[in-house]
Every structure is written in C-alpha cells, then in structure tokens.
C-alpha atoms as a PDB file:
ATOM      1  CA  MET A   1     -14.748 -11.588  -3.160  1.00  0.00           C
ATOM      2  CA  LEU A   2     -12.599 -11.331  -6.234  1.00  0.00           C
ATOM      3  CA  THR A   3     -10.035 -14.122  -6.497  1.00  0.00           C
ATOM      4  CA  PHE A   4      -6.736 -13.217  -8.133  1.00  0.00           C
ATOM      5  CA  LEU A   5      -4.001 -15.802  -8.754  1.00  0.00           C
ATOM      6  CA  GLY A   6      -5.790 -18.212  -6.422  1.00  0.00           C
ATOM      7  CA  GLU A   7      -5.908 -15.794  -3.453  1.00  0.00           C
ATOM      8  CA  ASN A   8      -8.096 -12.992  -2.135  1.00  0.00           C
ATOM      9  CA  TYR A   9      -6.111  -9.797  -1.543  1.00  0.00           C
ATOM     10  CA  TYR A  10      -6.867  -6.555   0.245  1.00  0.00           C
ATOM     11  CA  LEU A  11      -5.085  -3.279   0.950  1.00  0.00           C
ATOM     12  CA  ASP A  12      -4.255  -2.855   4.636  1.00  0.00           C
ATOM     13  CA  ILE A  13      -4.870   0.855   5.219  1.00  0.00           C
ATOM     14  CA  ASP A  14      -3.575   0.714   8.813  1.00  0.00           C
ATOM     15  CA  GLU A  15      -0.280  -0.742   7.570  1.00  0.00           C
ATOM     16  CA  LEU A  16      -0.101   1.912   4.857  1.00  0.00           C
ATOM     17  CA  GLU A  17      -0.479   4.610   7.499  1.00  0.00           C
ATOM     18  CA  LYS A  18       2.299   3.023   9.585  1.00  0.00           C
ATOM     19  CA  GLN A  19       4.560   2.787   6.539  1.00  0.00           C
ATOM     20  CA  VAL A  20       4.251   6.463   5.594  1.00  0.00           C
ATOM     21  CA  SER A  21       4.158   7.932   9.140  1.00  0.00           C
ATOM     22  CA  TYR A  22       7.155   8.558  11.287  1.00  0.00           C
ATOM     23  CA  GLU A  23       7.622   9.539  14.865  1.00  0.00           C
ATOM     24  CA  LYS A  24       9.052  12.940  15.517  1.00  0.00           C
ATOM     25  CA  SER A  25      10.564  13.115  18.987  1.00  0.00           C
ATOM     26  CA  VAL A  26       8.940  16.373  19.991  1.00  0.00           C
ATOM     27  CA  LEU A  27       7.448  16.827  23.418  1.00  0.00           C
ATOM     28  CA  PRO A  28       3.950  18.262  23.745  1.00  0.00           C
ATOM     29  CA  VAL A  29       4.008  22.079  23.774  1.00  0.00           C
ATOM     30  CA  THR A  30       2.053  24.144  26.301  1.00  0.00           C
ATOM     31  CA  TYR A  31       0.781  27.597  25.281  1.00  0.00           C
ATOM     32  CA  SER A  32      -1.274  29.701  27.724  1.00  0.00           C
ATOM     33  CA  GLY A  33      -2.252  26.670  29.765  1.00  0.00           C
ATOM     34  CA  GLU A  34      -3.298  24.486  26.775  1.00  0.00           C
ATOM     35  CA  THR A  35      -1.230  21.475  25.737  1.00  0.00           C
ATOM     36  CA  GLU A  36      -0.863  20.837  22.019  1.00  0.00           C
ATOM     37  CA  MET A  37       0.386  17.521  20.700  1.00  0.00           C
ATOM     38  CA  PRO A  38       2.654  17.543  17.656  1.00  0.00           C
ATOM     39  CA  GLU A  39       0.888  16.860  14.358  1.00  0.00           C
ATOM     40  CA  GLN A  40       1.244  13.576  12.505  1.00  0.00           C
ATOM     41  CA  GLN A  41       4.316  13.531  10.280  1.00  0.00           C
ATOM     42  CA  ILE A  42       4.427  11.569   7.021  1.00  0.00           C
ATOM     43  CA  SER A  43       7.105  10.863   4.486  1.00  0.00           C
ATOM     44  CA  VAL A  44       5.823  12.482   1.300  1.00  0.00           C
ATOM     45  CA  THR A  45       8.174  10.370  -0.819  1.00  0.00           C
ATOM     46  CA  ARG A  46       6.893   7.091   0.652  1.00  0.00           C
ATOM     47  CA  PHE A  47       3.278   8.289   0.448  1.00  0.00           C
ATOM     48  CA  GLU A  48       3.535   9.280  -3.226  1.00  0.00           C
ATOM     49  CA  THR A  49       5.375   6.056  -4.086  1.00  0.00           C
ATOM     50  CA  PHE A  50       2.756   3.842  -2.436  1.00  0.00           C
ATOM     51  CA  LYS A  51      -0.026   5.965  -3.961  1.00  0.00           C
ATOM     52  CA  GLY A  52       1.424   5.363  -7.437  1.00  0.00           C
ATOM     53  CA  LEU A  53       1.850   1.635  -6.814  1.00  0.00           C
ATOM     54  CA  ILE A  54      -1.745   1.294  -5.608  1.00  0.00           C
ATOM     55  CA  ASP A  55      -2.935   3.233  -8.655  1.00  0.00           C
ATOM     56  CA  VAL A  56      -1.127   0.777 -10.949  1.00  0.00           C
ATOM     57  CA  ILE A  57      -2.693  -2.204  -9.154  1.00  0.00           C
ATOM     58  CA  LEU A  58      -6.221  -0.773  -9.312  1.00  0.00           C
ATOM     59  CA  THR A  59      -6.082   0.290 -12.962  1.00  0.00           C
ATOM     60  CA  GLU A  60      -4.560  -2.820 -14.591  1.00  0.00           C
ATOM     61  CA  ARG A  61      -6.629  -3.676 -17.670  1.00  0.00           C
ATOM     62  CA  GLU A  62      -5.129  -7.067 -18.557  1.00  0.00           C
ATOM     63  CA  ASP A  63      -7.672  -9.934 -18.595  1.00  0.00           C
ATOM     64  CA  LEU A  64      -6.564 -12.905 -16.528  1.00  0.00           C
ATOM     65  CA  ASP A  65      -7.579 -16.508 -17.189  1.00  0.00           C
ATOM     66  CA  GLU A  66      -7.772 -18.099 -13.730  1.00  0.00           C
ATOM     67  CA  GLY A  67      -7.808 -21.538 -15.363  1.00  0.00           C
ATOM     68  CA  LEU A  68      -4.149 -21.134 -16.294  1.00  0.00           C
ATOM     69  CA  GLY A  69      -3.061 -20.929 -12.640  1.00  0.00           C
ATOM     70  CA  ALA A  70       0.490 -19.637 -12.217  1.00  0.00           C
ATOM     71  CA  HIS A  71       0.868 -19.167 -15.980  1.00  0.00           C
ATOM     72  CA  ALA A  72      -1.892 -16.529 -15.983  1.00  0.00           C
ATOM     73  CA  GLY A  73       0.417 -13.982 -14.343  1.00  0.00           C
ATOM     74  CA  LYS A  74       2.907 -13.919 -17.209  1.00  0.00           C
ATOM     75  CA  ASP A  75       0.564 -11.750 -19.311  1.00  0.00           C
ATOM     76  CA  LEU A  76       0.487  -8.984 -16.694  1.00  0.00           C
ATOM     77  CA  SER A  77       2.387  -5.762 -17.342  1.00  0.00           C
ATOM     78  CA  ILE A  78       5.800  -5.122 -15.815  1.00  0.00           C
ATOM     79  CA  PRO A  79       4.539  -2.086 -13.836  1.00  0.00           C
ATOM     80  CA  PHE A  80       1.739  -4.231 -12.373  1.00  0.00           C
ATOM     81  CA  LYS A  81       4.149  -6.987 -11.345  1.00  0.00           C
ATOM     82  CA  ILE A  82       6.540  -4.528  -9.691  1.00  0.00           C
ATOM     83  CA  ALA A  83       3.693  -2.693  -7.910  1.00  0.00           C
ATOM     84  CA  PHE A  84       2.072  -5.952  -6.763  1.00  0.00           C
ATOM     85  CA  ASN A  85       5.327  -7.397  -5.426  1.00  0.00           C
ATOM     86  CA  THR A  86       6.386  -4.141  -3.735  1.00  0.00           C
ATOM     87  CA  LEU A  87       3.053  -3.753  -1.944  1.00  0.00           C
ATOM     88  CA  LEU A  88       3.100  -7.429  -0.954  1.00  0.00           C
ATOM     89  CA  ILE A  89       6.644  -7.255   0.449  1.00  0.00           C
ATOM     90  CA  ASN A  90       5.814  -4.086   2.422  1.00  0.00           C
ATOM     91  CA  ASN A  91       2.720  -5.805   3.932  1.00  0.00           C
ATOM     92  CA  ILE A  92       0.328  -3.257   2.442  1.00  0.00           C
ATOM     93  CA  LEU A  93      -1.222  -5.851   0.140  1.00  0.00           C
ATOM     94  CA  LYS A  94      -2.284  -8.891   2.139  1.00  0.00           C
ATOM     95  CA  THR A  95      -4.124 -12.148   1.563  1.00  0.00           C
ATOM     96  CA  LEU A  96      -7.269 -13.114   3.450  1.00  0.00           C
END
C-alpha cells in the first residue's frame, strides 16, 4: 500500500459508474417476441470531467516528504489539489 498524506486511498470504480450513469425511464421494448432492455446511459460531460480529474491524480510528479505531515501537501500543484478534493467530495476517491 502506498500511503499519501497519512492515509491509503483508492478509486471506487462502482461509485464512479453510479456518478456518470443515469436512469432513463424507458420501459423494456418487445420486438417479434424478444424483450430488449434499454442500454446504459451515461453523462458524457461527467465522465470526461472525472476522467480528466483521475488523470491529474495519477500523473502528479511532485515528490512528497511524508515526514512533513500536513505541510507536505502545500507543494502539490493546484490542479492536483482541485482534482483530489473533487474526487474525494464525490466519493470516488476513498480512504481504506
């Protein structure tokens, strides 16, 4: 496990899927005796936004000195901080 800012974090893929999916109130359709369920619908805007935020988190190059504790986070880039906080608030990034 990689410890970051005193915690172990992971990306909750199930939560990500819930965040980008939406329910379309369409009843199953029957064609020639076969029932077809509507396909999964996703919000492309939400998907692309979360994809970009995750990319920022996974590609941050700043070295972090864990010995500094809370002060170690001040050297992180602004995009990283915004991405980290946004994913944390939306429950996509979670602690173990």
